[in-house]
Every structure is written in structure tokens, then in C-alpha cells.
């Protein structure tokens, strides 16, 4: 059985997304690429290195 989930980004009243703004400020292109790749895999349903922390919330862990 395939699990489904929603991936949200907090958007501030200014209209800026918290994660998008953070990614825009990252200077290391390799790290930024790895993070974007991980987000892409999440959208495809790959939940590796994800840990449930309660109330339907999952902590996503990246190791560098």
C-alpha cells in the first residue's frame, strides 16, 4: 500500500516562503543541489531518512 503525504512550506505575510528564502541564501551550490534533490525524491514518495515525531509530523534528516 502506498502512503500519501503533504509537503508544506510556511509562507510569511511578506509572501516569502521560509524554505525558499533559506535556499536562496545558501552559497554552497553542492549542498543546495543535495537539498533540492532530496525534496524532489520526497515528492516522488521516497521517505528515506524520515523519522515520525508525533501528530503526523515527520522530521527530515540530511547528513552531510
N, C-alpha and C. Protein backbone atom coordinates (compact mmCIF):
# COMPACT_ATOMS: atom_id res chain seq x y z
N UNK A 1 0.84 -1.18 0.00
CA UNK A 1 0.00 0.00 0.00
C UNK A 1 0.88 1.25 0.00
N UNK A 2 0.61 2.16 -0.88
CA UNK A 2 1.39 3.38 -0.99
C UNK A 2 0.89 4.44 -0.02
N UNK A 3 1.81 5.06 0.73
CA UNK A 3 1.45 6.12 1.65
C UNK A 3 1.41 7.44 0.90
N UNK A 4 0.52 8.32 1.34
CA UNK A 4 0.50 9.65 0.77
C UNK A 4 0.77 10.66 1.87
N UNK A 5 1.27 11.80 1.49
CA UNK A 5 1.57 12.85 2.46
C UNK A 5 1.53 14.19 1.75
N UNK A 6 1.47 15.23 2.55
CA UNK A 6 1.52 16.59 2.03
C UNK A 6 2.80 17.24 2.48
N UNK A 7 3.39 18.02 1.61
CA UNK A 7 4.61 18.76 1.93
C UNK A 7 4.26 20.24 1.87
N UNK A 8 4.38 20.92 3.01
CA UNK A 8 4.02 22.33 3.10
C UNK A 8 5.26 23.19 3.29
N UNK A 9 5.18 24.42 2.82
CA UNK A 9 6.20 25.41 3.12
C UNK A 9 5.49 26.59 3.77
N UNK A 10 6.00 27.03 4.90
CA UNK A 10 5.45 28.18 5.59
C UNK A 10 5.74 29.43 4.76
N UNK A 11 4.67 30.17 4.43
CA UNK A 11 4.81 31.41 3.68
C UNK A 11 4.46 32.56 4.62
N UNK A 12 5.38 33.50 4.73
CA UNK A 12 5.21 34.65 5.62
C UNK A 12 4.27 35.68 5.00
N UNK A 13 3.73 36.61 5.81
CA UNK A 13 2.85 37.65 5.27
C UNK A 13 3.50 38.45 4.13
N UNK A 14 4.82 38.52 4.12
CA UNK A 14 5.53 39.21 3.03
C UNK A 14 5.41 38.47 1.71
N UNK A 15 4.95 37.21 1.76
CA UNK A 15 4.84 36.39 0.56
C UNK A 15 6.04 35.50 0.32
N UNK A 16 7.06 35.62 1.17
CA UNK A 16 8.26 34.81 1.04
C UNK A 16 8.10 33.48 1.74
N UNK A 17 8.46 32.41 1.06
CA UNK A 17 8.48 31.10 1.68
C UNK A 17 9.73 30.95 2.54
N UNK A 18 9.58 30.38 3.72
CA UNK A 18 10.71 30.25 4.64
C UNK A 18 11.81 29.38 4.03
N UNK A 19 11.44 28.24 3.49
CA UNK A 19 12.44 27.32 2.92
C UNK A 19 13.03 27.92 1.64
N UNK A 20 12.19 28.49 0.80
CA UNK A 20 12.68 29.09 -0.46
C UNK A 20 13.68 30.20 -0.17
N UNK A 21 13.36 31.05 0.80
CA UNK A 21 14.27 32.16 1.15
C UNK A 21 15.59 31.62 1.68
N UNK A 22 15.50 30.60 2.51
CA UNK A 22 16.71 29.99 3.07
C UNK A 22 17.58 29.39 1.96
N UNK A 23 16.93 28.67 1.04
CA UNK A 23 17.68 28.06 -0.07
C UNK A 23 18.32 29.13 -0.96
N UNK A 24 17.63 30.23 -1.17
CA UNK A 24 18.18 31.31 -2.00
C UNK A 24 19.45 31.90 -1.38
N UNK A 25 19.56 31.86 -0.06
CA UNK A 25 20.72 32.43 0.61
C UNK A 25 21.89 31.46 0.74
N UNK A 26 21.67 30.18 0.45
CA UNK A 26 22.77 29.21 0.54
C UNK A 26 23.81 29.50 -0.52
N UNK A 27 25.05 29.57 -0.12
CA UNK A 27 26.13 29.86 -1.05
C UNK A 27 26.75 28.59 -1.64
N UNK A 28 26.70 27.49 -0.90
CA UNK A 28 27.30 26.23 -1.35
C UNK A 28 26.35 25.55 -2.34
N UNK A 29 26.71 25.56 -3.61
CA UNK A 29 25.84 25.01 -4.65
C UNK A 29 25.68 23.49 -4.55
N UNK A 30 26.71 22.80 -4.06
CA UNK A 30 26.63 21.35 -3.91
C UNK A 30 25.60 20.99 -2.84
N UNK A 31 25.67 21.67 -1.70
CA UNK A 31 24.72 21.41 -0.62
C UNK A 31 23.30 21.76 -1.07
N UNK A 32 23.16 22.91 -1.72
CA UNK A 32 21.85 23.33 -2.22
C UNK A 32 21.28 22.28 -3.19
N UNK A 33 22.13 21.76 -4.07
CA UNK A 33 21.70 20.72 -5.00
C UNK A 33 21.26 19.46 -4.29
N UNK A 34 21.97 19.08 -3.25
CA UNK A 34 21.59 17.88 -2.50
C UNK A 34 20.25 18.07 -1.80
N UNK A 35 20.01 19.26 -1.27
CA UNK A 35 18.74 19.54 -0.60
C UNK A 35 17.60 19.52 -1.61
N UNK A 36 17.78 20.17 -2.75
CA UNK A 36 16.74 20.18 -3.78
C UNK A 36 16.47 18.78 -4.32
N UNK A 37 17.52 17.98 -4.45
CA UNK A 37 17.36 16.59 -4.89
C UNK A 37 16.54 15.80 -3.87
N UNK A 38 16.82 16.02 -2.59
CA UNK A 38 16.09 15.34 -1.52
C UNK A 38 14.61 15.72 -1.57
N UNK A 39 14.33 17.01 -1.77
CA UNK A 39 12.93 17.46 -1.86
C UNK A 39 12.24 16.82 -3.06
N UNK A 40 12.95 16.70 -4.17
CA UNK A 40 12.38 16.04 -5.36
C UNK A 40 12.03 14.59 -5.07
N UNK A 41 12.94 13.90 -4.36
CA UNK A 41 12.67 12.49 -4.01
C UNK A 41 11.48 12.39 -3.06
N UNK A 42 11.32 13.36 -2.18
CA UNK A 42 10.15 13.37 -1.29
C UNK A 42 8.87 13.45 -2.10
N UNK A 43 8.87 14.31 -3.11
CA UNK A 43 7.68 14.47 -3.96
C UNK A 43 7.32 13.17 -4.68
N UNK A 44 8.32 12.33 -4.91
CA UNK A 44 8.09 11.04 -5.57
C UNK A 44 7.72 9.94 -4.57
N UNK A 45 7.71 10.29 -3.27
CA UNK A 45 7.32 9.33 -2.25
C UNK A 45 8.46 8.64 -1.53
N UNK A 46 9.70 9.00 -1.84
CA UNK A 46 10.85 8.39 -1.17
C UNK A 46 11.05 9.07 0.19
N UNK A 47 10.70 8.36 1.26
CA UNK A 47 10.76 8.93 2.61
C UNK A 47 11.95 8.40 3.39
N UNK A 48 13.04 8.07 2.71
CA UNK A 48 14.22 7.58 3.43
C UNK A 48 14.75 8.67 4.35
N UNK A 49 15.32 8.25 5.45
CA UNK A 49 15.86 9.17 6.46
C UNK A 49 14.81 10.11 7.03
N UNK A 50 13.56 9.68 7.07
CA UNK A 50 12.49 10.45 7.69
C UNK A 50 12.09 9.75 8.99
N UNK A 51 11.87 10.53 10.02
CA UNK A 51 11.55 9.97 11.33
C UNK A 51 10.26 10.60 11.85
N UNK A 52 9.21 9.78 12.09
CA UNK A 52 7.98 10.33 12.67
C UNK A 52 8.26 10.87 14.08
N UNK A 53 7.77 12.09 14.34
CA UNK A 53 7.98 12.66 15.68
C UNK A 53 6.67 12.89 16.42
N UNK A 54 5.55 12.49 15.84
CA UNK A 54 4.26 12.57 16.50
C UNK A 54 3.29 13.50 15.80
N UNK A 55 2.01 13.25 16.04
CA UNK A 55 0.91 14.07 15.48
C UNK A 55 0.98 14.19 13.97
N UNK A 56 1.47 13.16 13.29
CA UNK A 56 1.55 13.16 11.84
C UNK A 56 2.68 14.01 11.27
N UNK A 57 3.58 14.48 12.14
CA UNK A 57 4.71 15.30 11.71
C UNK A 57 5.94 14.43 11.57
N UNK A 58 6.69 14.63 10.49
CA UNK A 58 7.87 13.83 10.21
C UNK A 58 9.09 14.74 10.15
N UNK A 59 10.15 14.34 10.83
CA UNK A 59 11.41 15.07 10.78
C UNK A 59 12.22 14.51 9.61
N UNK A 60 12.70 15.40 8.75
CA UNK A 60 13.50 15.00 7.61
C UNK A 60 14.96 15.24 7.97
N UNK A 61 15.77 14.21 7.78
CA UNK A 61 17.17 14.32 8.18
C UNK A 61 18.07 14.19 6.96
N UNK A 62 19.00 15.12 6.85
CA UNK A 62 20.02 15.09 5.81
C UNK A 62 21.37 15.01 6.49
N UNK A 63 22.24 14.17 5.98
CA UNK A 63 23.56 14.01 6.58
C UNK A 63 24.60 14.49 5.58
N UNK A 64 25.45 15.41 6.02
CA UNK A 64 26.49 15.97 5.15
C UNK A 64 27.84 15.69 5.73
